[in-house]
Amino acid sequence: MEIRTRNHNAIGVIFRAKALAFENDAQKPRESRVSRLFVLGFRKSGLCFLGLTRENSTARHLLDSGTECIRMLKAESLQLTVFLFQQIALPAGIN
C-alpha cells in the first residue's frame, strides 16, 4: 500500500490485490496468479476510484496527473475500504 502526497497533503492511495484464477480446461486444468493495483483518489467530496493497473508507474501517474474520477465511492464502500485497510495495515492485536 502506498499513500501519495503533494505538498505534504495526501492525494490518494494505491494498493495491490492478488488472487488465483482457475482455468477449467479439461485437457490441462491450471491456475494462474492475478495481481492488480487499485488507485483511489482523495477528493473534497469523498473517496474516488481512479482505475486499475498492473504497473506501479501507471498507478502513480493516475494520482499525480489529476485524472478525473471514474466513480465516487458510496459511504458504505468507504466504510468497507477503511475496514479492509485496517486489517491489512495494522499488525495483529492492534485496533
N, C-alpha and C. Protein backbone atom coordinates (compact mmCIF):
# COMPACT_ATOMS: atom_id res chain seq x y z
N MET A 1 0.84 -1.16 0.00
CA MET A 1 0.00 0.00 0.00
C MET A 1 0.89 1.24 0.00
N GLU A 2 0.53 2.21 -0.81
CA GLU A 2 1.29 3.45 -0.90
C GLU A 2 0.33 4.63 -0.83
N ILE A 3 0.62 5.55 0.06
CA ILE A 3 -0.16 6.78 0.13
C ILE A 3 0.65 7.87 -0.58
N ARG A 4 0.06 8.48 -1.60
CA ARG A 4 0.74 9.51 -2.37
C ARG A 4 0.41 10.88 -1.78
N THR A 5 1.42 11.74 -1.78
CA THR A 5 1.23 13.09 -1.25
C THR A 5 1.68 14.14 -2.26
N ARG A 6 1.13 15.33 -2.08
CA ARG A 6 1.56 16.50 -2.84
C ARG A 6 1.54 17.67 -1.87
N ASN A 7 2.66 18.36 -1.75
CA ASN A 7 2.77 19.49 -0.82
C ASN A 7 2.37 19.09 0.60
N HIS A 8 2.80 17.91 1.02
CA HIS A 8 2.56 17.37 2.36
C HIS A 8 1.09 17.03 2.63
N ASN A 9 0.28 16.93 1.58
CA ASN A 9 -1.12 16.54 1.73
C ASN A 9 -1.35 15.23 0.98
N ALA A 10 -2.04 14.30 1.62
CA ALA A 10 -2.35 13.03 0.96
C ALA A 10 -3.33 13.27 -0.19
N ILE A 11 -2.99 12.72 -1.37
CA ILE A 11 -3.86 12.88 -2.54
C ILE A 11 -4.53 11.58 -2.95
N GLY A 12 -4.05 10.45 -2.40
CA GLY A 12 -4.66 9.18 -2.75
C GLY A 12 -3.87 8.01 -2.23
N VAL A 13 -4.39 6.84 -2.53
CA VAL A 13 -3.77 5.60 -2.07
C VAL A 13 -3.75 4.59 -3.21
N ILE A 14 -2.69 3.80 -3.24
CA ILE A 14 -2.54 2.72 -4.22
C ILE A 14 -2.36 1.43 -3.42
N PHE A 15 -3.14 0.41 -3.75
CA PHE A 15 -2.93 -0.88 -3.10
C PHE A 15 -3.08 -2.01 -4.10
N ARG A 16 -2.40 -3.10 -3.82
CA ARG A 16 -2.39 -4.26 -4.72
C ARG A 16 -3.30 -5.35 -4.18
N ALA A 17 -4.11 -5.92 -5.05
CA ALA A 17 -4.94 -7.08 -4.73
C ALA A 17 -4.43 -8.26 -5.55
N LYS A 18 -4.26 -9.39 -4.90
CA LYS A 18 -3.79 -10.60 -5.59
C LYS A 18 -4.83 -11.71 -5.42
N ALA A 19 -4.94 -12.53 -6.44
CA ALA A 19 -5.88 -13.63 -6.42
C ALA A 19 -5.38 -14.74 -7.33
N LEU A 20 -5.98 -15.90 -7.17
CA LEU A 20 -5.72 -17.02 -8.07
C LEU A 20 -6.87 -17.12 -9.06
N ALA A 21 -6.55 -17.29 -10.31
CA ALA A 21 -7.55 -17.51 -11.35
C ALA A 21 -7.43 -18.95 -11.81
N PHE A 22 -8.52 -19.68 -11.72
CA PHE A 22 -8.52 -21.08 -12.14
C PHE A 22 -9.09 -21.19 -13.54
N GLU A 23 -8.38 -21.90 -14.38
CA GLU A 23 -8.83 -22.12 -15.75
C GLU A 23 -9.27 -23.57 -15.86
N ASN A 24 -10.53 -23.77 -16.21
CA ASN A 24 -11.10 -25.11 -16.28
C ASN A 24 -11.00 -25.69 -17.68
N ASP A 25 -9.80 -25.91 -18.11
CA ASP A 25 -9.56 -26.55 -19.39
C ASP A 25 -9.48 -28.05 -19.13
N ALA A 26 -10.37 -28.82 -19.73
CA ALA A 26 -10.43 -30.27 -19.47
C ALA A 26 -9.10 -30.95 -19.80
N GLN A 27 -8.41 -30.48 -20.82
CA GLN A 27 -7.15 -31.08 -21.22
C GLN A 27 -6.00 -30.72 -20.26
N LYS A 28 -6.07 -29.52 -19.71
CA LYS A 28 -4.94 -29.02 -18.92
C LYS A 28 -5.42 -28.02 -17.86
N PRO A 29 -6.07 -28.51 -16.80
CA PRO A 29 -6.51 -27.57 -15.76
C PRO A 29 -5.29 -26.92 -15.09
N ARG A 30 -5.39 -25.63 -14.82
CA ARG A 30 -4.27 -24.93 -14.21
C ARG A 30 -4.77 -23.69 -13.47
N GLU A 31 -3.88 -23.11 -12.70
CA GLU A 31 -4.21 -21.88 -12.02
C GLU A 31 -3.14 -20.84 -12.36
N SER A 32 -3.55 -19.61 -12.35
CA SER A 32 -2.60 -18.53 -12.59
C SER A 32 -2.85 -17.43 -11.57
N ARG A 33 -1.84 -16.67 -11.29
CA ARG A 33 -1.94 -15.58 -10.32
C ARG A 33 -2.34 -14.29 -11.04
N VAL A 34 -3.26 -13.58 -10.43
CA VAL A 34 -3.73 -12.31 -10.95
C VAL A 34 -3.40 -11.24 -9.93
N SER A 35 -2.84 -10.13 -10.38
CA SER A 35 -2.46 -9.05 -9.49
C SER A 35 -2.82 -7.72 -10.15
N ARG A 36 -3.52 -6.86 -9.41
CA ARG A 36 -3.89 -5.54 -9.93
C ARG A 36 -3.67 -4.49 -8.85
N LEU A 37 -3.32 -3.30 -9.31
CA LEU A 37 -3.21 -2.16 -8.43
C LEU A 37 -4.50 -1.34 -8.51
N PHE A 38 -5.10 -1.07 -7.37
CA PHE A 38 -6.27 -0.22 -7.28
C PHE A 38 -5.79 1.18 -6.95
N VAL A 39 -6.35 2.18 -7.62
CA VAL A 39 -5.94 3.56 -7.39
C VAL A 39 -7.16 4.36 -6.94
N LEU A 40 -7.06 4.91 -5.73
CA LEU A 40 -8.14 5.69 -5.14
C LEU A 40 -7.63 7.09 -4.85
N GLY A 41 -8.39 8.09 -5.26
CA GLY A 41 -8.01 9.47 -5.02
C GLY A 41 -8.84 10.08 -3.91
N PHE A 42 -8.24 10.97 -3.15
CA PHE A 42 -8.95 11.70 -2.11
C PHE A 42 -9.46 13.00 -2.71
N ARG A 43 -10.76 13.18 -2.69
CA ARG A 43 -11.39 14.39 -3.22
C ARG A 43 -12.15 15.08 -2.09
N LYS A 44 -12.46 16.35 -2.25
CA LYS A 44 -13.23 17.07 -1.23
C LYS A 44 -14.57 16.42 -1.00
N SER A 45 -15.14 15.85 -2.06
CA SER A 45 -16.46 15.22 -1.95
C SER A 45 -16.39 13.77 -1.49
N GLY A 46 -15.21 13.21 -1.34
CA GLY A 46 -15.09 11.84 -0.86
C GLY A 46 -13.98 11.06 -1.53
N LEU A 47 -14.08 9.76 -1.44
CA LEU A 47 -13.09 8.84 -2.00
C LEU A 47 -13.49 8.49 -3.42
N CYS A 48 -12.53 8.55 -4.32
CA CYS A 48 -12.79 8.42 -5.75
C CYS A 48 -11.99 7.24 -6.34
N PHE A 49 -12.67 6.37 -7.07
CA PHE A 49 -12.00 5.28 -7.77
C PHE A 49 -11.44 5.84 -9.08
N LEU A 50 -10.11 5.74 -9.25
CA LEU A 50 -9.47 6.28 -10.45
C LEU A 50 -9.14 5.21 -11.48
N GLY A 51 -8.97 3.97 -11.04
CA GLY A 51 -8.70 2.94 -12.02
C GLY A 51 -7.92 1.76 -11.48
N LEU A 52 -7.70 0.80 -12.36
CA LEU A 52 -6.90 -0.40 -12.09
C LEU A 52 -5.73 -0.43 -13.05
N THR A 53 -4.62 -0.93 -12.60
CA THR A 53 -3.46 -1.05 -13.47
C THR A 53 -2.57 -2.18 -12.98
N ARG A 54 -1.62 -2.56 -13.80
CA ARG A 54 -0.66 -3.61 -13.42
C ARG A 54 0.67 -3.02 -12.97
N GLU A 55 0.95 -1.78 -13.38
CA GLU A 55 2.26 -1.18 -13.16
C GLU A 55 2.22 -0.08 -12.10
N ASN A 56 3.23 -0.07 -11.22
CA ASN A 56 3.33 0.97 -10.20
C ASN A 56 3.42 2.36 -10.83
N SER A 57 4.22 2.49 -11.88
CA SER A 57 4.40 3.81 -12.50
C SER A 57 3.09 4.34 -13.07
N THR A 58 2.27 3.46 -13.64
CA THR A 58 0.98 3.88 -14.19
C THR A 58 0.04 4.30 -13.07
N ALA A 59 0.04 3.55 -11.99
CA ALA A 59 -0.81 3.88 -10.84
C ALA A 59 -0.43 5.25 -10.27
N ARG A 60 0.86 5.49 -10.13
CA ARG A 60 1.33 6.78 -9.62
C ARG A 60 0.93 7.92 -10.56
N HIS A 61 1.03 7.67 -11.86
CA HIS A 61 0.66 8.69 -12.84
C HIS A 61 -0.82 9.04 -12.73
N LEU A 62 -1.68 8.04 -12.50
CA LEU A 62 -3.11 8.31 -12.34
C LEU A 62 -3.36 9.31 -11.22
N LEU A 63 -2.64 9.15 -10.12
CA LEU A 63 -2.81 10.07 -9.00
C LEU A 63 -2.13 11.41 -9.24
N ASP A 64 -0.91 11.38 -9.71
CA ASP A 64 -0.12 12.60 -9.85
C ASP A 64 -0.63 13.52 -10.96
N SER A 65 -1.32 12.97 -11.95
CA SER A 65 -1.77 13.78 -13.09
C SER A 65 -3.15 14.39 -12.88
N GLY A 66 -3.80 14.07 -11.75
CA GLY A 66 -5.14 14.62 -11.51
C GLY A 66 -6.21 14.00 -12.38
N THR A 67 -6.07 12.73 -12.69
CA THR A 67 -7.04 12.01 -13.51
C THR A 67 -8.45 12.19 -12.97
N GLU A 68 -9.42 12.34 -13.88
CA GLU A 68 -10.81 12.50 -13.46
C GLU A 68 -11.32 11.22 -12.80
N CYS A 69 -12.23 11.42 -11.89
CA CYS A 69 -12.82 10.32 -11.13
C CYS A 69 -13.69 9.44 -12.04
N ILE A 70 -13.50 8.14 -11.94
CA ILE A 70 -14.36 7.21 -12.67
C ILE A 70 -15.65 7.00 -11.90
N ARG A 71 -15.50 6.88 -10.56
CA ARG A 71 -16.68 6.66 -9.71
C ARG A 71 -16.38 7.10 -8.29
N MET A 72 -17.28 7.89 -7.72
CA MET A 72 -17.18 8.23 -6.31
C MET A 72 -17.69 7.04 -5.52
N LEU A 73 -16.97 6.68 -4.47
CA LEU A 73 -17.39 5.56 -3.65
C LEU A 73 -18.44 6.00 -2.65
N LYS A 74 -19.45 5.17 -2.47
CA LYS A 74 -20.53 5.47 -1.52
C LYS A 74 -20.02 5.29 -0.10
N ALA A 75 -20.74 5.84 0.83
CA ALA A 75 -20.34 5.76 2.24
C ALA A 75 -20.15 4.31 2.69
N GLU A 76 -21.02 3.41 2.23
CA GLU A 76 -20.91 2.00 2.62
C GLU A 76 -19.61 1.41 2.08
N SER A 77 -19.25 1.77 0.85
CA SER A 77 -18.00 1.30 0.25
C SER A 77 -16.80 1.86 1.00
N LEU A 78 -16.91 3.12 1.40
CA LEU A 78 -15.82 3.76 2.13
C LEU A 78 -15.61 3.07 3.47
N GLN A 79 -16.69 2.73 4.17
CA GLN A 79 -16.56 2.04 5.45
C GLN A 79 -15.89 0.69 5.25
N LEU A 80 -16.27 -0.04 4.21
CA LEU A 80 -15.64 -1.32 3.92
C LEU A 80 -14.18 -1.14 3.57
N THR A 81 -13.85 -0.12 2.78
CA THR A 81 -12.47 0.14 2.40
C THR A 81 -11.62 0.45 3.62
N VAL A 82 -12.12 1.29 4.52
CA VAL A 82 -11.39 1.62 5.74
C VAL A 82 -11.18 0.36 6.57
N PHE A 83 -12.21 -0.47 6.70
CA PHE A 83 -12.09 -1.72 7.45
C PHE A 83 -11.01 -2.61 6.84
N LEU A 84 -11.00 -2.75 5.52
CA LEU A 84 -10.00 -3.60 4.86
C LEU A 84 -8.60 -3.04 5.04
N PHE A 85 -8.42 -1.72 4.93
CA PHE A 85 -7.11 -1.11 5.16
C PHE A 85 -6.63 -1.40 6.57
N GLN A 86 -7.54 -1.32 7.55
CA GLN A 86 -7.16 -1.58 8.93
C GLN A 86 -6.70 -3.02 9.08
N GLN A 87 -7.36 -3.93 8.42
CA GLN A 87 -6.98 -5.33 8.52
C GLN A 87 -5.63 -5.60 7.88
N ILE A 88 -5.33 -4.89 6.81
CA ILE A 88 -4.09 -5.08 6.07
C ILE A 88 -2.93 -4.33 6.73
N ALA A 89 -3.19 -3.10 7.12
CA ALA A 89 -2.12 -2.20 7.54
C ALA A 89 -1.72 -2.33 9.02
N LEU A 90 -2.64 -2.75 9.87
CA LEU A 90 -2.34 -2.81 11.29
C LEU A 90 -1.82 -4.20 11.68
N PRO A 91 -0.76 -4.26 12.47
CA PRO A 91 -0.29 -5.56 12.95
C PRO A 91 -1.35 -6.22 13.81
N ALA A 92 -1.30 -7.53 13.89
CA ALA A 92 -2.27 -8.30 14.68
C ALA A 92 -2.29 -7.80 16.12
N GLY A 93 -3.52 -7.68 16.66
CA GLY A 93 -3.66 -7.29 18.05
C GLY A 93 -3.73 -5.79 18.27
N ILE A 94 -3.57 -4.98 17.23
CA ILE A 94 -3.66 -3.52 17.38
C ILE A 94 -4.94 -3.06 16.70
N ASN A 95 -5.78 -2.36 17.44
CA ASN A 95 -7.04 -1.83 16.88
C ASN A 95 -7.13 -0.36 17.11
